[in-house]
Amino acid sequence: QGQFVKDQFHGKGTYNYANGDVFTGIWKNGHKNGKGKLETYDG
């Protein structure tokens, strides 16, 4: 859930993985790139 540019994750966004991990941060050309936070299912 977040920003897209030309069909790619680009800008601020949150990716919720099916395993319970959550990444919130900056994306560039479909990749995590910049400040971000990864919270894993195990805490």
All heavy atoms as atom14 arrays in JSON, in Angstrom:
{
  "sequence": "QGQFVKDQFHGKGTYNYANGDVFTGIWKNGHKNGKGKLETYDG",
  "atom14_mask": [
    [1, 1, 1, 1, 1, 1, 1, 1, 1, 0, 0, 0, 0, 0],
    [1, 1, 1, 1, 0, 0, 0, 0, 0, 0, 0, 0, 0, 0],
    [1, 1, 1, 1, 1, 1, 1, 1, 1, 0, 0, 0, 0, 0],
    [1, 1, 1, 1, 1, 1, 1, 1, 1, 1, 1, 0, 0, 0],
    [1, 1, 1, 1, 1, 1, 1, 0, 0, 0, 0, 0, 0, 0],
    [1, 1, 1, 1, 1, 1, 1, 1, 1, 0, 0, 0, 0, 0],
    [1, 1, 1, 1, 1, 1, 1, 1, 0, 0, 0, 0, 0, 0],
    [1, 1, 1, 1, 1, 1, 1, 1, 1, 0, 0, 0, 0, 0],
    [1, 1, 1, 1, 1, 1, 1, 1, 1, 1, 1, 0, 0, 0],
    [1, 1, 1, 1, 1, 1, 1, 1, 1, 1, 0, 0, 0, 0],
    [1, 1, 1, 1, 0, 0, 0, 0, 0, 0, 0, 0, 0, 0],
    [1, 1, 1, 1, 1, 1, 1, 1, 1, 0, 0, 0, 0, 0],
    [1, 1, 1, 1, 0, 0, 0, 0, 0, 0, 0, 0, 0, 0],
    [1, 1, 1, 1, 1, 1, 1, 0, 0, 0, 0, 0, 0, 0],
    [1, 1, 1, 1, 1, 1, 1, 1, 1, 1, 1, 1, 0, 0],
    [1, 1, 1, 1, 1, 1, 1, 1, 0, 0, 0, 0, 0, 0],
    [1, 1, 1, 1, 1, 1, 1, 1, 1, 1, 1, 1, 0, 0],
    [1, 1, 1, 1, 1, 0, 0, 0, 0, 0, 0, 0, 0, 0],
    [1, 1, 1, 1, 1, 1, 1, 1, 0, 0, 0, 0, 0, 0],
    [1, 1, 1, 1, 0, 0, 0, 0, 0, 0, 0, 0, 0, 0],
    [1, 1, 1, 1, 1, 1, 1, 1, 0, 0, 0, 0, 0, 0],
    [1, 1, 1, 1, 1, 1, 1, 0, 0, 0, 0, 0, 0, 0],
    [1, 1, 1, 1, 1, 1, 1, 1, 1, 1, 1, 0, 0, 0],
    [1, 1, 1, 1, 1, 1, 1, 0, 0, 0, 0, 0, 0, 0],
    [1, 1, 1, 1, 0, 0, 0, 0, 0, 0, 0, 0, 0, 0],
    [1, 1, 1, 1, 1, 1, 1, 1, 0, 0, 0, 0, 0, 0],
    [1, 1, 1, 1, 1, 1, 1, 1, 1, 1, 1, 1, 1, 1],
    [1, 1, 1, 1, 1, 1, 1, 1, 1, 0, 0, 0, 0, 0],
    [1, 1, 1, 1, 1, 1, 1, 1, 0, 0, 0, 0, 0, 0],
    [1, 1, 1, 1, 0, 0, 0, 0, 0, 0, 0, 0, 0, 0],
    [1, 1, 1, 1, 1, 1, 1, 1, 1, 1, 0, 0, 0, 0],
    [1, 1, 1, 1, 1, 1, 1, 1, 1, 0, 0, 0, 0, 0],
    [1, 1, 1, 1, 1, 1, 1, 1, 0, 0, 0, 0, 0, 0],
    [1, 1, 1, 1, 0, 0, 0, 0, 0, 0, 0, 0, 0, 0],
    [1, 1, 1, 1, 1, 1, 1, 1, 1, 0, 0, 0, 0, 0],
    [1, 1, 1, 1, 0, 0, 0, 0, 0, 0, 0, 0, 0, 0],
    [1, 1, 1, 1, 1, 1, 1, 1, 1, 0, 0, 0, 0, 0],
    [1, 1, 1, 1, 1, 1, 1, 1, 0, 0, 0, 0, 0, 0],
    [1, 1, 1, 1, 1, 1, 1, 1, 1, 0, 0, 0, 0, 0],
    [1, 1, 1, 1, 1, 1, 1, 0, 0, 0, 0, 0, 0, 0],
    [1, 1, 1, 1, 1, 1, 1, 1, 1, 1, 1, 1, 0, 0],
    [1, 1, 1, 1, 1, 1, 1, 1, 0, 0, 0, 0, 0, 0],
    [1, 1, 1, 1, 0, 0, 0, 0, 0, 0, 0, 0, 0, 0]
  ],
  "atom14_positions": [
    [[0.87, -1.18, 0.0], [0.0, 0.0, 0.0], [0.9, 1.22, 0.0], [1.74, 1.39, 0.89], [-0.89, 0.02, 1.24], [-1.84, 1.19, 1.27], [-2.85, 1.1, 2.4], [-2.94, 0.1, 3.1], [-3.6, 2.16, 2.6], [0.0, 0.0, 0.0], [0.0, 0.0, 0.0], [0.0, 0.0, 0.0], [0.0, 0.0, 0.0], [0.0, 0.0, 0.0]],
    [[0.76, 2.05, -1.03], [1.59, 3.23, -1.11], [1.62, 3.84, -2.49], [0.68, 3.7, -3.27], [0.0, 0.0, 0.0], [0.0, 0.0, 0.0], [0.0, 0.0, 0.0], [0.0, 0.0, 0.0], [0.0, 0.0, 0.0], [0.0, 0.0, 0.0], [0.0, 0.0, 0.0], [0.0, 0.0, 0.0], [0.0, 0.0, 0.0], [0.0, 0.0, 0.0]],
    [[2.74, 4.48, -2.79], [2.89, 5.21, -4.03], [3.46, 4.33, -5.14], [4.32, 3.48, -4.89], [3.78, 6.42, -3.82], [3.19, 7.41, -2.83], [4.13, 8.55, -2.48], [5.3, 8.33, -2.18], [3.61, 9.77, -2.53], [0.0, 0.0, 0.0], [0.0, 0.0, 0.0], [0.0, 0.0, 0.0], [0.0, 0.0, 0.0], [0.0, 0.0, 0.0]],
    [[2.98, 4.59, -6.35], [3.45, 3.91, -7.55], [3.87, 4.95, -8.58], [3.26, 6.02, -8.68], [2.33, 3.09, -8.21], [1.85, 1.93, -7.42], [0.84, 2.06, -6.48], [2.39, 0.66, -7.63], [0.37, 0.97, -5.77], [1.94, -0.44, -6.91], [0.92, -0.28, -5.99], [0.0, 0.0, 0.0], [0.0, 0.0, 0.0], [0.0, 0.0, 0.0]],
    [[4.9, 4.64, -9.36], [5.29, 5.41, -10.53], [5.58, 4.42, -11.64], [6.43, 3.53, -11.47], [6.52, 6.31, -10.25], [7.01, 6.98, -11.53], [6.18, 7.38, -9.2], [0.0, 0.0, 0.0], [0.0, 0.0, 0.0], [0.0, 0.0, 0.0], [0.0, 0.0, 0.0], [0.0, 0.0, 0.0], [0.0, 0.0, 0.0], [0.0, 0.0, 0.0]],
    [[4.88, 4.54, -12.73], [5.07, 3.67, -13.9], [5.08, 2.2, -13.51], [5.99, 1.46, -13.84], [6.33, 4.05, -14.65], [6.28, 5.44, -15.24], [7.53, 5.76, -16.03], [7.44, 7.17, -16.58], [8.67, 7.55, -17.25], [0.0, 0.0, 0.0], [0.0, 0.0, 0.0], [0.0, 0.0, 0.0], [0.0, 0.0, 0.0], [0.0, 0.0, 0.0]],
    [[4.08, 1.78, -12.75], [3.88, 0.37, -12.36], [4.86, -0.16, -11.32], [4.91, -1.36, -11.08], [3.91, -0.55, -13.59], [2.53, -1.01, -14.0], [1.55, -0.63, -13.34], [2.43, -1.77, -14.96], [0.0, 0.0, 0.0], [0.0, 0.0, 0.0], [0.0, 0.0, 0.0], [0.0, 0.0, 0.0], [0.0, 0.0, 0.0], [0.0, 0.0, 0.0]],
    [[5.67, 0.7, -10.72], [6.64, 0.24, -9.71], [6.38, 0.95, -8.39], [5.91, 2.08, -8.36], [8.07, 0.51, -10.17], [8.46, -0.3, -11.38], [9.94, -0.18, -11.68], [10.68, 0.55, -11.01], [10.4, -0.9, -12.67], [0.0, 0.0, 0.0], [0.0, 0.0, 0.0], [0.0, 0.0, 0.0], [0.0, 0.0, 0.0], [0.0, 0.0, 0.0]],
    [[6.73, 0.26, -7.28], [6.67, 0.9, -5.97], [7.69, 2.04, -6.01], [8.86, 1.82, -6.33], [7.07, -0.06, -4.85], [6.36, -1.39, -4.85], [6.95, -2.48, -4.24], [5.13, -1.56, -5.43], [6.33, -3.71, -4.21], [4.48, -2.79, -5.4], [5.09, -3.87, -4.79], [0.0, 0.0, 0.0], [0.0, 0.0, 0.0], [0.0, 0.0, 0.0]],
    [[7.24, 3.25, -5.7], [8.15, 4.39, -5.79], [7.6, 5.5, -4.91], [6.51, 6.01, -5.15], [8.26, 4.86, -7.24], [9.43, 5.77, -7.48], [10.65, 5.3, -7.88], [9.54, 7.11, -7.37], [11.48, 6.31, -8.02], [10.83, 7.42, -7.71], [0.0, 0.0, 0.0], [0.0, 0.0, 0.0], [0.0, 0.0, 0.0], [0.0, 0.0, 0.0]],
    [[8.33, 5.84, -3.85], [7.87, 6.83, -2.87], [7.61, 6.14, -1.55], [8.22, 5.12, -1.24], [0.0, 0.0, 0.0], [0.0, 0.0, 0.0], [0.0, 0.0, 0.0], [0.0, 0.0, 0.0], [0.0, 0.0, 0.0], [0.0, 0.0, 0.0], [0.0, 0.0, 0.0], [0.0, 0.0, 0.0], [0.0, 0.0, 0.0], [0.0, 0.0, 0.0]],
    [[6.72, 6.69, -0.76], [6.39, 6.11, 0.54], [5.43, 4.94, 0.38], [4.48, 5.01, -0.4], [5.74, 7.16, 1.44], [6.65, 8.3, 1.81], [5.93, 9.29, 2.69], [6.82, 10.48, 3.01], [6.11, 11.48, 3.81], [0.0, 0.0, 0.0], [0.0, 0.0, 0.0], [0.0, 0.0, 0.0], [0.0, 0.0, 0.0], [0.0, 0.0, 0.0]],
    [[5.71, 3.86, 1.13], [4.83, 2.72, 1.06], [5.06, 1.71, 2.17], [6.1, 1.72, 2.83], [0.0, 0.0, 0.0], [0.0, 0.0, 0.0], [0.0, 0.0, 0.0], [0.0, 0.0, 0.0], [0.0, 0.0, 0.0], [0.0, 0.0, 0.0], [0.0, 0.0, 0.0], [0.0, 0.0, 0.0], [0.0, 0.0, 0.0], [0.0, 0.0, 0.0]],
    [[4.08, 0.85, 2.34], [4.14, -0.23, 3.33], [3.89, -1.55, 2.63], [2.93, -1.69, 1.88], [3.1, -0.02, 4.44], [3.37, 1.22, 5.09], [3.13, -1.15, 5.46], [0.0, 0.0, 0.0], [0.0, 0.0, 0.0], [0.0, 0.0, 0.0], [0.0, 0.0, 0.0], [0.0, 0.0, 0.0], [0.0, 0.0, 0.0], [0.0, 0.0, 0.0]],
    [[4.78, -2.51, 2.9], [4.64, -3.85, 2.32], [4.42, -4.82, 3.46], [5.26, -4.97, 4.34], [5.91, -4.22, 1.55], [5.72, -5.39, 0.62], [5.58, -5.2, -0.75], [5.69, -6.7, 1.1], [5.42, -6.27, -1.62], [5.51, -7.77, 0.25], [5.39, -7.55, -1.11], [5.23, -8.61, -1.98], [0.0, 0.0, 0.0], [0.0, 0.0, 0.0]],
    [[3.25, -5.46, 3.46], [2.91, -6.47, 4.46], [3.14, -7.84, 3.83], [2.45, -8.2, 2.87], [1.45, -6.34, 4.88], [1.2, -5.1, 5.68], [1.46, -5.05, 6.85], [0.7, -4.06, 5.02], [0.0, 0.0, 0.0], [0.0, 0.0, 0.0], [0.0, 0.0, 0.0], [0.0, 0.0, 0.0], [0.0, 0.0, 0.0], [0.0, 0.0, 0.0]],
    [[4.12, -8.57, 4.35], [4.41, -9.91, 3.86], [3.45, -10.92, 4.47], [3.02, -10.76, 5.62], [5.85, -10.29, 4.21], [6.88, -9.42, 3.53], [7.3, -8.23, 4.12], [7.42, -9.77, 2.3], [8.25, -7.42, 3.49], [8.37, -8.98, 1.67], [8.77, -7.81, 2.27], [9.7, -7.0, 1.65], [0.0, 0.0, 0.0], [0.0, 0.0, 0.0]],
    [[3.13, -11.94, 3.73], [2.21, -12.97, 4.21], [2.7, -13.64, 5.49], [1.9, -14.12, 6.29], [1.98, -14.02, 3.11], [0.0, 0.0, 0.0], [0.0, 0.0, 0.0], [0.0, 0.0, 0.0], [0.0, 0.0, 0.0], [0.0, 0.0, 0.0], [0.0, 0.0, 0.0], [0.0, 0.0, 0.0], [0.0, 0.0, 0.0], [0.0, 0.0, 0.0]],
    [[4.02, -13.66, 5.7], [4.58, -14.31, 6.89], [4.48, -13.45, 8.15], [4.88, -13.87, 9.22], [6.03, -14.72, 6.66], [6.99, -13.54, 6.57], [6.58, -12.38, 6.62], [8.26, -13.82, 6.43], [0.0, 0.0, 0.0], [0.0, 0.0, 0.0], [0.0, 0.0, 0.0], [0.0, 0.0, 0.0], [0.0, 0.0, 0.0], [0.0, 0.0, 0.0]],
    [[3.95, -12.21, 8.01], [3.79, -11.34, 9.17], [4.8, -10.21, 9.24], [4.64, -9.28, 10.04], [0.0, 0.0, 0.0], [0.0, 0.0, 0.0], [0.0, 0.0, 0.0], [0.0, 0.0, 0.0], [0.0, 0.0, 0.0], [0.0, 0.0, 0.0], [0.0, 0.0, 0.0], [0.0, 0.0, 0.0], [0.0, 0.0, 0.0], [0.0, 0.0, 0.0]],
    [[5.85, -10.23, 8.43], [6.82, -9.13, 8.38], [6.16, -7.91, 7.75], [5.29, -8.04, 6.89], [8.04, -9.49, 7.55], [8.89, -10.61, 8.14], [8.63, -11.03, 9.28], [9.83, -11.06, 7.45], [0.0, 0.0, 0.0], [0.0, 0.0, 0.0], [0.0, 0.0, 0.0], [0.0, 0.0, 0.0], [0.0, 0.0, 0.0], [0.0, 0.0, 0.0]],
    [[6.6, -6.71, 8.18], [6.07, -5.47, 7.61], [7.22, -4.51, 7.38], [7.99, -4.21, 8.3], [5.04, -4.79, 8.56], [4.54, -3.48, 7.96], [3.89, -5.72, 8.86], [0.0, 0.0, 0.0], [0.0, 0.0, 0.0], [0.0, 0.0, 0.0], [0.0, 0.0, 0.0], [0.0, 0.0, 0.0], [0.0, 0.0, 0.0], [0.0, 0.0, 0.0]],
    [[7.35, -4.01, 6.14], [8.34, -2.97, 5.83], [7.59, -1.68, 5.53], [6.67, -1.65, 4.7], [9.2, -3.32, 4.62], [10.13, -2.19, 4.23], [11.3, -1.99, 4.92], [9.79, -1.31, 3.22], [12.14, -0.93, 4.6], [10.62, -0.25, 2.88], [11.8, -0.06, 3.57], [0.0, 0.0, 0.0], [0.0, 0.0, 0.0], [0.0, 0.0, 0.0]],
    [[7.98, -0.61, 6.21], [7.42, 0.72, 5.96], [8.58, 1.65, 5.67], [9.53, 1.73, 6.46], [6.64, 1.24, 7.18], [5.6, 0.31, 7.48], [6.04, 2.6, 6.92], [0.0, 0.0, 0.0], [0.0, 0.0, 0.0], [0.0, 0.0, 0.0], [0.0, 0.0, 0.0], [0.0, 0.0, 0.0], [0.0, 0.0, 0.0], [0.0, 0.0, 0.0]],
    [[8.51, 2.33, 4.53], [9.59, 3.24, 4.2], [9.53, 3.73, 2.77], [8.47, 3.79, 2.15], [0.0, 0.0, 0.0], [0.0, 0.0, 0.0], [0.0, 0.0, 0.0], [0.0, 0.0, 0.0], [0.0, 0.0, 0.0], [0.0, 0.0, 0.0], [0.0, 0.0, 0.0], [0.0, 0.0, 0.0], [0.0, 0.0, 0.0], [0.0, 0.0, 0.0]],
    [[10.7, 4.07, 2.27], [10.84, 4.67, 0.94], [11.23, 3.6, -0.07], [12.08, 2.74, 0.19], [11.91, 5.77, 0.96], [11.59, 6.81, 2.03], [12.05, 6.42, -0.41], [10.28, 7.54, 1.85], [0.0, 0.0, 0.0], [0.0, 0.0, 0.0], [0.0, 0.0, 0.0], [0.0, 0.0, 0.0], [0.0, 0.0, 0.0], [0.0, 0.0, 0.0]],
    [[10.59, 3.68, -1.23], [10.83, 2.76, -2.34], [11.31, 3.55, -3.54], [10.92, 4.7, -3.74], [9.54, 2.04, -2.72], [8.99, 1.19, -1.62], [8.27, 1.62, -0.55], [9.13, -0.21, -1.47], [7.94, 0.55, 0.26], [8.46, -0.59, -0.3], [9.75, -1.2, -2.24], [8.38, -1.91, 0.14], [9.67, -2.51, -1.8], [9.01, -2.85, -0.63]],
    [[12.16, 2.93, -4.34], [12.64, 3.56, -5.58], [12.73, 2.49, -6.64], [13.42, 1.48, -6.45], [14.0, 4.21, -5.36], [14.53, 4.93, -6.58], [15.86, 5.6, -6.26], [16.41, 6.29, -7.5], [17.74, 6.85, -7.22], [0.0, 0.0, 0.0], [0.0, 0.0, 0.0], [0.0, 0.0, 0.0], [0.0, 0.0, 0.0], [0.0, 0.0, 0.0]],
    [[12.02, 2.67, -7.73], [12.04, 1.73, -8.86], [11.75, 0.29, -8.42], [12.39, -0.65, -8.88], [13.36, 1.81, -9.6], [13.59, 3.19, -10.18], [12.67, 3.83, -10.66], [14.82, 3.67, -10.11], [0.0, 0.0, 0.0], [0.0, 0.0, 0.0], [0.0, 0.0, 0.0], [0.0, 0.0, 0.0], [0.0, 0.0, 0.0], [0.0, 0.0, 0.0]],
    [[10.82, 0.12, -7.49], [10.4, -1.21, -7.07], [11.23, -1.84, -5.96], [10.99, -2.98, -5.58], [0.0, 0.0, 0.0], [0.0, 0.0, 0.0], [0.0, 0.0, 0.0], [0.0, 0.0, 0.0], [0.0, 0.0, 0.0], [0.0, 0.0, 0.0], [0.0, 0.0, 0.0], [0.0, 0.0, 0.0], [0.0, 0.0, 0.0], [0.0, 0.0, 0.0]],
    [[12.21, -1.1, -5.42], [13.09, -1.64, -4.37], [13.07, -0.75, -3.14], [12.91, 0.47, -3.25], [14.54, -1.74, -4.87], [14.71, -2.63, -6.04], [14.8, -4.0, -5.93], [14.79, -2.36, -7.36], [14.95, -4.53, -7.13], [14.93, -3.55, -8.02], [0.0, 0.0, 0.0], [0.0, 0.0, 0.0], [0.0, 0.0, 0.0], [0.0, 0.0, 0.0]],
    [[13.3, -1.35, -1.97], [13.47, -0.56, -0.74], [14.71, 0.3, -0.98], [15.77, -0.22, -1.33], [13.69, -1.47, 0.46], [12.55, -2.4, 0.76], [12.94, -3.31, 1.93], [12.1, -4.52, 2.0], [12.57, -5.61, 1.14], [0.0, 0.0, 0.0], [0.0, 0.0, 0.0], [0.0, 0.0, 0.0], [0.0, 0.0, 0.0], [0.0, 0.0, 0.0]],
    [[14.58, 1.6, -0.78], [15.71, 2.47, -1.08], [15.53, 3.79, -0.34], [14.8, 4.66, -0.8], [15.81, 2.7, -2.59], [17.19, 3.09, -3.02], [17.82, 3.93, -2.4], [17.66, 2.49, -4.07], [0.0, 0.0, 0.0], [0.0, 0.0, 0.0], [0.0, 0.0, 0.0], [0.0, 0.0, 0.0], [0.0, 0.0, 0.0], [0.0, 0.0, 0.0]],
    [[16.17, 3.93, 0.8], [16.04, 5.11, 1.64], [15.69, 4.71, 3.05], [15.87, 3.56, 3.45], [0.0, 0.0, 0.0], [0.0, 0.0, 0.0], [0.0, 0.0, 0.0], [0.0, 0.0, 0.0], [0.0, 0.0, 0.0], [0.0, 0.0, 0.0], [0.0, 0.0, 0.0], [0.0, 0.0, 0.0], [0.0, 0.0, 0.0], [0.0, 0.0, 0.0]],
    [[15.21, 5.66, 3.83], [14.87, 5.38, 5.22], [13.7, 4.41, 5.3], [12.73, 4.54, 4.56], [14.53, 6.66, 5.96], [15.72, 7.56, 6.16], [15.36, 8.76, 6.97], [16.62, 9.61, 7.15], [16.37, 10.79, 7.98], [0.0, 0.0, 0.0], [0.0, 0.0, 0.0], [0.0, 0.0, 0.0], [0.0, 0.0, 0.0], [0.0, 0.0, 0.0]],
    [[13.84, 3.45, 6.21], [12.77, 2.48, 6.36], [12.86, 1.7, 7.65], [13.86, 1.76, 8.37], [0.0, 0.0, 0.0], [0.0, 0.0, 0.0], [0.0, 0.0, 0.0], [0.0, 0.0, 0.0], [0.0, 0.0, 0.0], [0.0, 0.0, 0.0], [0.0, 0.0, 0.0], [0.0, 0.0, 0.0], [0.0, 0.0, 0.0], [0.0, 0.0, 0.0]],
    [[11.79, 0.94, 7.9], [11.69, 0.14, 9.12], [11.13, -1.22, 8.73], [10.09, -1.31, 8.09], [10.76, 0.85, 10.09], [10.37, 0.06, 11.31], [9.52, 0.87, 12.27], [8.15, 1.12, 11.72], [7.22, 1.72, 12.7], [0.0, 0.0, 0.0], [0.0, 0.0, 0.0], [0.0, 0.0, 0.0], [0.0, 0.0, 0.0], [0.0, 0.0, 0.0]],
    [[11.83, -2.28, 9.14], [11.35, -3.64, 8.93], [11.06, -4.26, 10.29], [11.95, -4.38, 11.13], [12.38, -4.49, 8.19], [11.99, -5.96, 7.98], [10.78, -6.07, 7.05], [13.16, -6.75, 7.43], [0.0, 0.0, 0.0], [0.0, 0.0, 0.0], [0.0, 0.0, 0.0], [0.0, 0.0, 0.0], [0.0, 0.0, 0.0], [0.0, 0.0, 0.0]],
    [[9.79, -4.6, 10.49], [9.37, -5.29, 11.71], [9.05, -6.72, 11.31], [8.21, -6.95, 10.43], [8.12, -4.63, 12.29], [8.33, -3.2, 12.7], [7.05, -2.56, 13.2], [6.62, -2.88, 14.33], [6.47, -1.77, 12.44], [0.0, 0.0, 0.0], [0.0, 0.0, 0.0], [0.0, 0.0, 0.0], [0.0, 0.0, 0.0], [0.0, 0.0, 0.0]],
    [[9.72, -7.68, 11.94], [9.51, -9.07, 11.58], [8.44, -9.7, 12.47], [8.12, -9.19, 13.54], [10.81, -9.89, 11.67], [11.26, -9.88, 13.02], [11.88, -9.31, 10.76], [0.0, 0.0, 0.0], [0.0, 0.0, 0.0], [0.0, 0.0, 0.0], [0.0, 0.0, 0.0], [0.0, 0.0, 0.0], [0.0, 0.0, 0.0], [0.0, 0.0, 0.0]],
    [[7.91, -10.81, 12.0], [6.84, -11.5, 12.71], [7.24, -11.89, 14.13], [6.4, -11.99, 15.01], [6.41, -12.75, 11.93], [7.44, -13.86, 11.95], [7.38, -14.84, 12.92], [8.48, -13.88, 11.04], [8.34, -15.85, 12.96], [9.43, -14.87, 11.07], [9.36, -15.85, 12.04], [10.31, -16.83, 12.08], [0.0, 0.0, 0.0], [0.0, 0.0, 0.0]],
    [[8.55, -12.07, 14.37], [9.0, -12.48, 15.71], [9.34, -11.29, 16.61], [9.82, -11.47, 17.72], [10.2, -13.42, 15.6], [11.44, -12.78, 15.0], [11.41, -11.57, 14.67], [12.44, -13.49, 14.82], [0.0, 0.0, 0.0], [0.0, 0.0, 0.0], [0.0, 0.0, 0.0], [0.0, 0.0, 0.0], [0.0, 0.0, 0.0], [0.0, 0.0, 0.0]],
    [[9.08, -10.06, 16.13], [9.26, -8.88, 16.96], [10.57, -8.15, 16.78], [10.77, -7.1, 17.39], [0.0, 0.0, 0.0], [0.0, 0.0, 0.0], [0.0, 0.0, 0.0], [0.0, 0.0, 0.0], [0.0, 0.0, 0.0], [0.0, 0.0, 0.0], [0.0, 0.0, 0.0], [0.0, 0.0, 0.0], [0.0, 0.0, 0.0], [0.0, 0.0, 0.0]]
  ]
}
